[in-house]
Amino acid sequence: MELNDLTAVSPVDGRYRSKLSALSAFFSEFALIQYRVKVEIEYFIALCELPLPQLANFDANRFDDLRDIYLNFDITSAKSIKIIEQTTNHDVKAVEYFIKKRFDELHLSEYKEFIHFGLTSQDINNVAAPLALKDADAEIVQPAFKAVKELLQRLAVQWKAVPMLARTHGQPASPTILGKEIYVFVERLENQLNLLKQIPFSSKFGGAIGNMNAHVIAYPNIDWVNFSNQFIGRLGLHRQQTTTQIEHYDYLSAYFDGLKRLNTILLDLSRDIWMYIMLDYFKQRIKAGEIGSSAMPHKVNPIDFENAEGNLGLANALFEHLSGKLPVSRLQRDLTDSTVIRNIGVPIAHTWLSIQSLERGLNKLLLNEDKIKADLNANWAVVAEAIQTILRREQIEGAYELLKDLTRTNNRITKDSIQQFIAKLDVSESVKQELLMLSPESYTGIDLLKDL
């Protein structure tokens, strides 16, 4: 069966392909091969610039020709490498042979034995993968989280003067401000994004078991540690100094844990907005022709927030496995990381998909201020905290108990019942007037968004 959007096994490459196609530049098989070619070429150029004695006369003007091999890399090039791999049964060796063939075509055959010189395949893989992830983080991951954070900030400002009944344990609680409750998520995202930015994208580059044995035996007088550090640094990565055959993946694990925390914040947001829609605090803009239910014509389901929650759960399950598995490898190397690390684009895809769903849902929200006000006015009991606190200030004995008796024995606390209670208090007239000024709409505490 031909592979297309309808026949793909994974919805990432099927149903949602159009929304996620940009990820192919970083996490597809094509992308992995292209990044491998880039690392091999840049390594060869670095050897020329060192220079190794046998590469001292390499014409630096030809570096552009070499870089064209990966800059102009196309599907035909990738397919030719896959054909070579059918014989080698080794994907990185197939890349090496492909580049050697290109050297022949460029009339650079005398230098081709220095392609992949002294390296093992993980020196290429453990540079190519974090390099691709670093680029994806800069071009897709960070901008996506930043966009949803900025959208939330705009909504927080828009609703910064809207008092709302808070709910703790699902029960009516002290009033709050809708914009502030939205801004809680802005601050949480900002905090975790700042932490995420502190995690370096790291690589391993040290030969077969990390000691650069082959390099040292061939050229014992070269400072290979300094060379490797400069080479990896030039690619924008951090080089681990003491490794086995593979990278530790500890920083990579931390990165996935960071994304998992960010996703958990968005999952919490999705559920809260879902609840506000259920409470009728928000309506949703209706798209022409859209159907909410196949049986109930009146329904407008909060599907964007439900889709986001589902995809965030999938992403976090995969991030959990990645962060727990990758740092564990038997002795100097086992192959369990190889198949796992090929899947790092999948949870990132589900994360990005969820962010797109959230943005779509948030942009459809319509504030139902009448319902929010009605809920506040139906819950005058929430000013009990304010009254008992003022009474405590006035040193009225048993202030808490007085309000407890009022709010728990009266079937329905209203504005009138509160005012009647205040009228009977043994306090000064000025304190009574202060208490009578209280309302669910005014009892909202500090204006935390006044500077926005």
Protein backbone atom coordinates (compact mmCIF):
# COMPACT_ATOMS: atom_id res chain seq x y z
CA MET A 1 0.00 0.00 0.00
CA GLU A 2 1.30 3.42 -0.94
CA LEU A 3 2.35 5.61 1.98
CA ASN A 4 0.34 8.81 2.23
CA ASP A 5 -1.67 10.82 4.78
CA LEU A 6 -4.41 8.16 4.77
CA THR A 7 -2.22 5.06 4.99
CA ALA A 8 0.36 6.26 7.53
CA VAL A 9 0.30 4.23 10.74
CA SER A 10 1.10 7.21 12.97
CA PRO A 11 -1.32 10.17 13.00
CA VAL A 12 1.77 12.38 13.29
CA ASP A 13 2.62 11.44 9.70
CA GLY A 14 -0.99 10.94 8.65
CA ARG A 15 -3.95 12.91 9.96
CA TYR A 16 -1.81 15.71 11.39
CA ARG A 17 0.89 15.78 8.73
CA SER A 18 -0.09 19.19 7.38
CA LYS A 19 0.22 20.75 10.85
CA LEU A 20 3.58 19.16 11.63
CA SER A 21 5.44 19.00 8.33
CA ALA A 22 8.08 21.52 9.45
CA LEU A 23 9.40 18.92 11.91
CA SER A 24 10.62 16.79 9.02
CA ALA A 25 13.58 19.13 8.63
CA PHE A 26 14.85 17.97 12.02
CA PHE A 27 13.49 14.53 12.91
CA SER A 28 12.87 12.59 9.71
CA GLU A 29 15.20 9.90 8.38
CA PHE A 30 16.15 12.38 5.67
CA ALA A 31 17.05 14.99 8.29
CA LEU A 32 19.15 12.53 10.31
CA ILE A 33 21.12 11.60 7.21
CA GLN A 34 21.61 15.25 6.22
CA TYR A 35 22.85 16.18 9.71
CA ARG A 36 25.25 13.22 9.62
CA VAL A 37 26.63 14.43 6.32
CA LYS A 38 27.02 17.92 7.78
CA VAL A 39 28.99 16.64 10.79
CA GLU A 40 31.26 14.52 8.58
CA ILE A 41 31.99 17.42 6.24
CA GLU A 42 32.59 19.93 9.03
CA TYR A 43 34.89 17.45 10.77
CA PHE A 44 36.95 17.03 7.61
CA ILE A 45 37.19 20.82 7.23
CA ALA A 46 38.30 21.12 10.88
CA LEU A 47 41.07 18.56 10.22
CA CYS A 48 42.19 20.66 7.26
CA GLU A 49 42.24 23.80 9.39
CA LEU A 50 44.20 22.08 12.18
CA PRO A 51 45.93 21.05 9.89
CA LEU A 52 46.83 17.40 9.76
CA PRO A 53 50.13 17.12 7.85
CA GLN A 54 48.49 15.24 4.96
CA LEU A 55 45.79 17.93 4.68
CA ALA A 56 48.06 20.98 4.97
CA ASN A 57 47.91 21.65 1.24
CA PHE A 58 44.13 21.25 0.92
CA ASP A 59 42.80 24.31 -0.87
CA ALA A 60 40.55 26.21 1.58
CA ASN A 61 38.71 27.65 -1.40
CA ARG A 62 37.22 24.18 -1.86
CA PHE A 63 35.46 24.30 1.53
CA ASP A 64 32.38 25.82 -0.10
CA ASP A 65 32.27 22.88 -2.52
CA LEU A 66 32.36 20.52 0.44
CA ARG A 67 29.64 22.38 2.34
CA ASP A 68 27.45 22.28 -0.75
CA ILE A 69 27.27 18.51 -0.23
CA TYR A 70 25.05 19.00 2.84
CA LEU A 71 23.62 22.44 2.04
CA ASN A 72 22.21 21.19 -1.27
CA PHE A 73 21.41 17.72 0.07
CA ASP A 74 18.20 16.40 -1.48
CA ILE A 75 15.99 13.33 -1.58
CA THR A 76 18.03 11.84 -4.40
CA SER A 77 21.16 12.10 -2.27
CA ALA A 78 19.41 10.53 0.70
CA LYS A 79 18.10 7.67 -1.43
CA SER A 80 21.57 6.99 -2.78
CA ILE A 81 22.84 6.64 0.80
CA LYS A 82 20.01 4.24 1.61
CA ILE A 83 21.01 2.16 -1.40
CA ILE A 84 24.58 1.99 -0.10
CA GLU A 85 23.22 1.01 3.32
CA GLN A 86 21.53 -2.03 1.78
CA THR A 87 25.05 -3.38 1.19
CA THR A 88 26.86 -2.05 4.27
CA ASN A 89 23.98 -2.71 6.67
CA HIS A 90 25.45 0.25 8.56
CA ASP A 91 23.84 3.64 8.20
CA VAL A 92 26.79 5.84 9.19
CA LYS A 93 29.25 3.87 7.05
CA ALA A 94 26.89 4.41 4.13
CA VAL A 95 27.19 8.18 4.72
CA GLU A 96 30.98 7.91 4.70
CA TYR A 97 30.98 5.99 1.39
CA PHE A 98 28.57 8.52 -0.12
CA ILE A 99 30.88 11.42 0.78
CA LYS A 100 33.91 9.55 -0.57
CA LYS A 101 32.09 9.16 -3.85
CA ARG A 102 31.39 12.89 -3.89
CA PHE A 103 35.08 13.56 -3.25
CA ASP A 104 35.86 11.48 -6.33
CA GLU A 105 33.42 13.60 -8.32
CA LEU A 106 35.07 16.77 -6.99
CA HIS A 107 38.51 15.43 -7.91
CA LEU A 108 39.54 15.28 -4.26
CA SER A 109 40.15 11.53 -4.11
CA GLU A 110 43.61 11.86 -2.55
CA TYR A 111 42.03 13.25 0.64
CA LYS A 112 39.05 10.93 1.05
CA GLU A 113 40.64 8.57 3.60
CA PHE A 114 40.43 11.40 6.10
CA ILE A 115 36.65 11.33 5.92
CA HIS A 116 35.46 9.83 9.22
CA PHE A 117 39.11 9.64 10.32
CA GLY A 118 39.53 8.02 13.76
CA LEU A 119 35.79 8.16 14.49
CA THR A 120 33.13 5.70 15.49
CA SER A 121 29.55 6.03 14.31
CA GLN A 122 28.43 7.52 17.62
CA ASP A 123 30.80 10.45 17.14
CA ILE A 124 28.57 11.32 14.21
CA ASN A 125 25.20 10.31 15.71
CA ASN A 126 25.85 11.96 19.06
CA VAL A 127 26.62 15.22 17.30
CA ALA A 128 23.99 15.03 14.55
CA ALA A 129 21.05 14.31 16.90
CA PRO A 130 21.65 17.12 19.43
CA LEU A 131 22.45 19.49 16.57
CA ALA A 132 19.09 18.71 14.97
CA LEU A 133 17.33 19.04 18.31
CA LYS A 134 19.08 22.35 19.01
CA ASP A 135 17.88 23.72 15.67
CA ALA A 136 14.35 22.41 16.24
CA ASP A 137 14.32 23.96 19.70
CA ALA A 138 15.31 27.35 18.29
CA GLU A 139 13.00 27.28 15.27
CA ILE A 140 9.92 25.43 16.56
CA VAL A 141 9.85 24.46 20.25
CA GLN A 142 10.80 27.76 21.88
CA PRO A 143 8.72 29.90 19.47
CA ALA A 144 5.68 27.64 20.01
CA PHE A 145 5.80 27.92 23.80
CA LYS A 146 6.54 31.63 23.54
CA ALA A 147 3.52 32.14 21.27
CA VAL A 148 1.07 30.44 23.63
CA LYS A 149 2.59 32.28 26.60
CA GLU A 150 2.15 35.64 24.84
CA LEU A 151 -1.42 34.76 23.87
CA LEU A 152 -2.19 33.98 27.51
CA GLN A 153 -0.58 37.26 28.57
CA ARG A 154 -2.81 39.19 26.15
CA LEU A 155 -5.88 37.45 27.54
CA ALA A 156 -4.74 38.15 31.11
CA VAL A 157 -4.48 41.86 30.32
CA GLN A 158 -7.84 41.81 28.53
CA TRP A 159 -9.52 40.26 31.58
CA LYS A 160 -7.49 41.92 34.35
CA ALA A 161 -10.53 43.81 35.68
CA VAL A 162 -12.99 40.89 35.64
CA PRO A 163 -13.78 39.64 39.17
CA MET A 164 -14.61 35.95 39.34
CA LEU A 165 -15.60 33.41 41.94
CA ALA A 166 -12.62 31.23 42.82
CA ARG A 167 -13.06 27.55 43.56
CA THR A 168 -10.84 25.59 45.91
CA HIS A 169 -11.60 21.87 46.20
CA GLY A 170 -14.35 22.60 43.68
CA GLN A 171 -16.22 24.75 46.21
CA PRO A 172 -16.89 28.52 46.10
CA ALA A 173 -13.94 30.38 47.63
CA SER A 174 -12.65 33.94 48.02
CA PRO A 175 -13.18 35.93 44.81
CA THR A 176 -10.31 36.41 42.40
CA ILE A 177 -9.62 38.13 39.08
CA LEU A 178 -9.97 36.16 35.86
CA GLY A 179 -6.94 37.82 34.28
CA LYS A 180 -4.78 36.97 37.29
CA GLU A 181 -5.81 33.31 37.11
CA ILE A 182 -4.75 33.26 33.46
CA TYR A 183 -1.51 35.04 34.32
CA VAL A 184 -0.64 32.23 36.75
CA PHE A 185 0.04 30.10 33.69
CA VAL A 186 2.08 32.87 32.03
CA GLU A 187 4.41 32.99 35.02
CA ARG A 188 4.67 29.22 35.26
CA LEU A 189 5.57 28.92 31.58
CA GLU A 190 8.09 31.76 31.86
CA ASN A 191 9.81 30.09 34.81
CA GLN A 192 10.14 26.74 33.08
CA LEU A 193 11.22 28.22 29.75
CA ASN A 194 14.02 30.03 31.57
CA LEU A 195 15.11 26.75 33.14
CA LEU A 196 14.94 24.97 29.80
CA LYS A 197 17.21 27.54 28.18
CA GLN A 198 19.91 26.77 30.75
CA ILE A 199 20.22 23.14 29.62
CA PRO A 200 23.04 22.77 27.07
CA PHE A 201 22.73 20.64 23.97
CA SER A 202 25.64 18.30 24.49
CA SER A 203 27.51 15.76 22.41
CA LYS A 204 30.05 13.00 22.65
CA PHE A 205 33.08 13.18 20.38
CA GLY A 206 35.96 10.93 21.41
CA GLY A 207 36.39 7.86 19.25
CA ALA A 208 35.43 4.24 19.82
CA ILE A 209 35.27 4.31 23.62
CA GLY A 210 35.73 8.00 24.38
CA ASN A 211 39.53 8.07 24.78
CA MET A 212 40.40 9.14 21.21
CA ASN A 213 42.65 6.05 20.94
CA ALA A 214 42.85 6.10 17.13
CA HIS A 215 43.61 9.83 16.98
CA VAL A 216 46.38 9.59 19.56
CA ILE A 217 48.06 6.57 17.98
CA ALA A 218 48.15 8.30 14.58
CA TYR A 219 49.12 11.80 15.77
CA PRO A 220 50.33 11.66 19.40
CA ASN A 221 51.57 15.26 19.45
CA ILE A 222 48.20 16.87 18.64
CA ASP A 223 46.03 18.14 21.48
CA TRP A 224 42.96 16.18 20.46
CA VAL A 225 40.90 17.25 23.46
CA ASN A 226 41.33 20.91 22.58
CA PHE A 227 40.63 20.18 18.92
CA SER A 228 37.42 18.31 19.75
CA ASN A 229 36.22 20.96 22.16
CA GLN A 230 36.74 23.69 19.57
CA PHE A 231 35.13 21.65 16.79
CA ILE A 232 32.02 20.82 18.82
CA GLY A 233 31.85 24.35 20.22
CA ARG A 234 31.92 25.77 16.71
CA LEU A 235 28.78 23.75 15.98
CA GLY A 236 27.11 25.38 18.98
CA LEU A 237 27.17 22.28 21.18
CA HIS A 238 28.68 21.39 24.54
CA ARG A 239 31.19 18.51 24.44
CA GLN A 240 31.19 15.97 27.26
CA GLN A 241 34.80 15.43 28.35
CA THR A 242 34.69 11.90 29.78
CA THR A 243 32.46 9.40 27.99
CA THR A 244 32.07 5.82 26.89
CA GLN A 245 31.27 5.13 23.25
CA ILE A 246 28.10 7.18 23.59
CA GLU A 247 26.98 10.48 25.07
CA HIS A 248 25.67 10.35 28.63
CA TYR A 249 22.28 11.75 27.57
CA ASP A 250 21.95 13.33 31.02
CA TYR A 251 21.42 16.81 29.60
CA LEU A 252 19.08 15.39 26.99
CA SER A 253 17.13 13.71 29.78
CA ALA A 254 16.95 17.05 31.61
CA TYR A 255 15.69 18.72 28.41
CA PHE A 256 12.91 16.16 28.04
CA ASP A 257 11.99 16.55 31.70
CA GLY A 258 11.85 20.30 31.11
CA LEU A 259 9.47 19.85 28.19
CA LYS A 260 7.43 17.47 30.30
CA ARG A 261 7.01 20.13 33.01
CA LEU A 262 6.00 22.71 30.40
CA ASN A 263 3.48 20.25 28.99
CA THR A 264 2.10 19.57 32.46
CA ILE A 265 1.45 23.30 32.86
CA LEU A 266 -0.40 23.35 29.54
CA LEU A 267 -2.34 20.24 30.54
CA ASP A 268 -3.39 21.98 33.76
CA LEU A 269 -4.44 25.02 31.70
CA SER A 270 -6.44 22.85 29.29
CA ARG A 271 -8.42 21.30 32.13
CA ASP A 272 -9.06 24.65 33.82
CA ILE A 273 -10.36 26.27 30.63
CA TRP A 274 -12.48 23.16 30.00
CA MET A 275 -13.99 23.63 33.47
CA TYR A 276 -14.65 27.34 32.88
CA ILE A 277 -16.44 26.45 29.65
CA MET A 278 -18.46 23.86 31.55
CA LEU A 279 -19.37 26.55 34.12
CA ASP A 280 -20.50 28.74 31.18
CA TYR A 281 -17.89 31.41 32.01
CA PHE A 282 -16.84 31.17 28.39
CA LYS A 283 -18.76 30.66 25.20
CA GLN A 284 -16.96 29.55 22.04
CA ARG A 285 -16.99 31.14 18.62
CA ILE A 286 -18.76 28.86 16.22
CA LYS A 287 -17.14 28.13 12.90
CA ALA A 288 -19.54 28.03 9.96
CA GLY A 289 -20.42 24.46 9.04
CA GLU A 290 -18.80 22.97 12.14
CA ILE A 291 -20.66 20.17 13.94
CA GLY A 292 -20.23 19.62 17.68
CA SER A 293 -22.13 16.37 18.01
CA SER A 294 -23.47 13.87 15.49
CA ALA A 295 -26.61 13.46 17.61
CA MET A 296 -27.09 16.71 19.56
CA PRO A 297 -27.24 19.77 17.27
CA HIS A 298 -27.01 22.29 20.15
CA LYS A 299 -23.56 21.20 21.37
CA VAL A 300 -20.37 23.18 20.93
CA ASN A 301 -17.75 20.90 22.42
CA PRO A 302 -14.45 22.19 23.87
CA ILE A 303 -12.59 19.87 21.51
CA ASP A 304 -9.48 22.03 21.17
CA PHE A 305 -8.74 21.74 24.88
CA GLU A 306 -9.58 18.04 24.90
CA ASN A 307 -7.29 17.41 21.91
CA ALA A 308 -4.55 19.39 23.61
CA GLU A 309 -4.93 17.36 26.80
CA GLY A 310 -4.78 14.07 24.90
CA ASN A 311 -1.69 15.01 22.92
CA LEU A 312 0.06 16.42 26.00
CA GLY A 313 -0.52 13.13 27.78
CA LEU A 314 0.96 11.18 24.87
CA ALA A 315 3.95 13.50 24.65
CA ASN A 316 4.70 13.26 28.35
CA ALA A 317 4.46 9.48 28.37
CA LEU A 318 7.11 9.37 25.63
CA PHE A 319 9.28 12.05 27.28
CA GLU A 320 9.12 10.00 30.49
CA HIS A 321 10.47 6.95 28.69
CA LEU A 322 13.13 8.92 26.85
CA SER A 323 14.43 10.69 29.95
CA GLY A 324 14.48 7.48 31.96
CA LYS A 325 15.92 5.16 29.35
CA LEU A 326 18.55 7.11 27.43
CA PRO A 327 21.02 7.73 30.30
CA VAL A 328 21.22 3.96 30.96
CA SER A 329 23.57 1.86 28.82
CA ARG A 330 25.39 -1.39 29.61
CA LEU A 331 29.11 -0.93 30.17
CA GLN A 332 30.67 1.10 27.34
CA ARG A 333 27.69 0.80 24.96
CA ASP A 334 24.58 -1.08 24.07
CA LEU A 335 22.28 -0.37 21.15
CA THR A 336 19.07 0.28 23.07
CA ASP A 337 19.52 4.04 22.63
CA SER A 338 19.70 3.77 18.85
CA THR A 339 16.06 2.95 18.15
CA VAL A 340 14.79 5.08 21.03
CA ILE A 341 16.56 8.28 20.01
CA ARG A 342 15.09 8.03 16.53
CA ASN A 343 11.72 8.77 18.14
CA ILE A 344 12.53 12.06 19.86
CA GLY A 345 10.58 13.94 17.21
CA VAL A 346 7.36 12.09 18.08
CA PRO A 347 6.69 13.63 21.54
CA ILE A 348 7.83 17.00 20.20
CA ALA A 349 5.24 16.58 17.43
CA HIS A 350 2.48 15.83 19.95
CA THR A 351 3.62 18.79 22.04
CA TRP A 352 3.50 21.16 19.08
CA LEU A 353 0.14 19.76 18.01
CA SER A 354 -1.26 20.39 21.48
CA ILE A 355 0.01 23.97 21.47
CA GLN A 356 -1.68 24.56 18.12
CA SER A 357 -4.93 23.16 19.57
CA LEU A 358 -4.63 25.37 22.65
CA GLU A 359 -4.05 28.49 20.58
CA ARG A 360 -7.02 27.66 18.40
CA GLY A 361 -9.23 27.09 21.45
CA LEU A 362 -8.06 30.17 23.33
CA ASN A 363 -8.73 32.36 20.30
CA LYS A 364 -12.32 31.05 20.17
CA LEU A 365 -13.17 31.98 23.76
CA LEU A 366 -15.93 34.55 24.33
CA LEU A 367 -16.24 35.91 27.86
CA ASN A 368 -19.68 35.39 29.42
CA GLU A 369 -19.45 38.19 31.99
CA ASP A 370 -23.13 37.92 32.93
CA LYS A 371 -22.67 34.34 34.10
CA ILE A 372 -19.49 35.24 36.02
CA LYS A 373 -21.31 38.11 37.82
CA ALA A 374 -24.32 35.90 38.52
CA ASP A 375 -22.09 33.29 40.17
CA LEU A 376 -20.46 35.93 42.34
CA ASN A 377 -23.80 37.37 43.45
CA ALA A 378 -25.15 33.90 44.18
CA ASN A 379 -22.28 33.27 46.61
CA TRP A 380 -22.28 36.06 49.17
CA ALA A 381 -20.95 33.58 51.71
CA VAL A 382 -17.45 34.15 50.27
CA VAL A 383 -17.24 37.54 52.03
CA ALA A 384 -17.36 35.71 55.36
CA GLU A 385 -13.56 35.52 55.34
CA ALA A 386 -13.36 39.31 54.98
CA ILE A 387 -15.89 39.98 57.75
CA GLN A 388 -14.30 37.66 60.29
CA THR A 389 -10.85 39.08 59.51
CA ILE A 390 -12.02 42.65 60.15
CA LEU A 391 -13.75 41.50 63.35
CA ARG A 392 -10.52 39.87 64.48
CA ARG A 393 -8.76 43.17 63.81
CA GLU A 394 -11.32 44.78 66.09
CA GLN A 395 -10.57 42.05 68.67
CA ILE A 396 -14.12 40.65 68.65
CA GLU A 397 -13.92 37.36 70.51
CA GLY A 398 -14.93 34.28 68.53
CA ALA A 399 -15.07 36.17 65.20
CA TYR A 400 -14.37 33.06 63.14
CA GLU A 401 -16.98 31.03 64.98
CA LEU A 402 -19.61 33.76 64.49
CA LEU A 403 -19.17 33.59 60.71
CA LYS A 404 -18.95 29.83 60.75
CA ASP A 405 -22.30 29.60 62.51
CA LEU A 406 -23.82 32.08 60.07
CA THR A 407 -22.60 30.46 56.86
CA ARG A 408 -23.14 26.84 57.86
CA THR A 409 -26.54 27.09 59.49
CA ASN A 410 -28.18 29.43 56.99
CA ASN A 411 -29.40 27.56 53.92
CA ARG A 412 -28.66 30.45 51.59
CA ILE A 413 -26.40 33.39 52.31
CA THR A 414 -27.52 36.51 50.46
CA LYS A 415 -26.62 40.16 50.46
CA ASP A 416 -29.58 40.80 52.75
CA SER A 417 -28.66 38.07 55.24
CA ILE A 418 -25.09 39.37 55.39
CA GLN A 419 -26.28 42.93 55.97
CA GLN A 420 -28.68 41.78 58.67
CA PHE A 421 -25.83 39.95 60.38
CA ILE A 422 -23.64 43.07 60.24
CA ALA A 423 -26.41 45.25 61.68
CA LYS A 424 -26.57 43.09 64.82
CA LEU A 425 -22.79 43.16 65.48
CA ASP A 426 -21.52 44.91 68.58
CA VAL A 427 -19.07 47.13 66.74
CA SER A 428 -18.78 50.82 65.98
CA GLU A 429 -20.81 52.43 63.23
CA SER A 430 -17.68 53.10 61.18
CA VAL A 431 -16.75 49.41 61.25
CA LYS A 432 -20.30 48.48 60.25
CA GLN A 433 -20.09 50.85 57.29
CA GLU A 434 -16.73 49.28 56.34
CA LEU A 435 -18.31 45.83 56.46
CA LEU A 436 -21.37 46.95 54.48
CA MET A 437 -19.09 48.08 51.65
CA LEU A 438 -17.95 44.49 51.13
CA SER A 439 -19.20 42.50 48.15
CA PRO A 440 -18.05 39.43 46.23
CA GLU A 441 -17.07 41.69 43.32
CA SER A 442 -14.93 44.04 45.41
CA TYR A 443 -13.25 41.49 47.67
CA THR A 444 -10.48 40.50 45.25
CA GLY A 445 -7.25 41.34 47.09
CA ILE A 446 -4.11 42.83 45.57
CA ASP A 447 -4.20 43.98 41.97
CA LEU A 448 -1.34 41.77 40.80
CA LEU A 449 -1.71 42.87 37.17
CA LYS A 450 -1.77 46.64 37.68
CA ASP A 451 1.54 47.10 35.84
CA LEU A 452 0.49 45.10 32.77
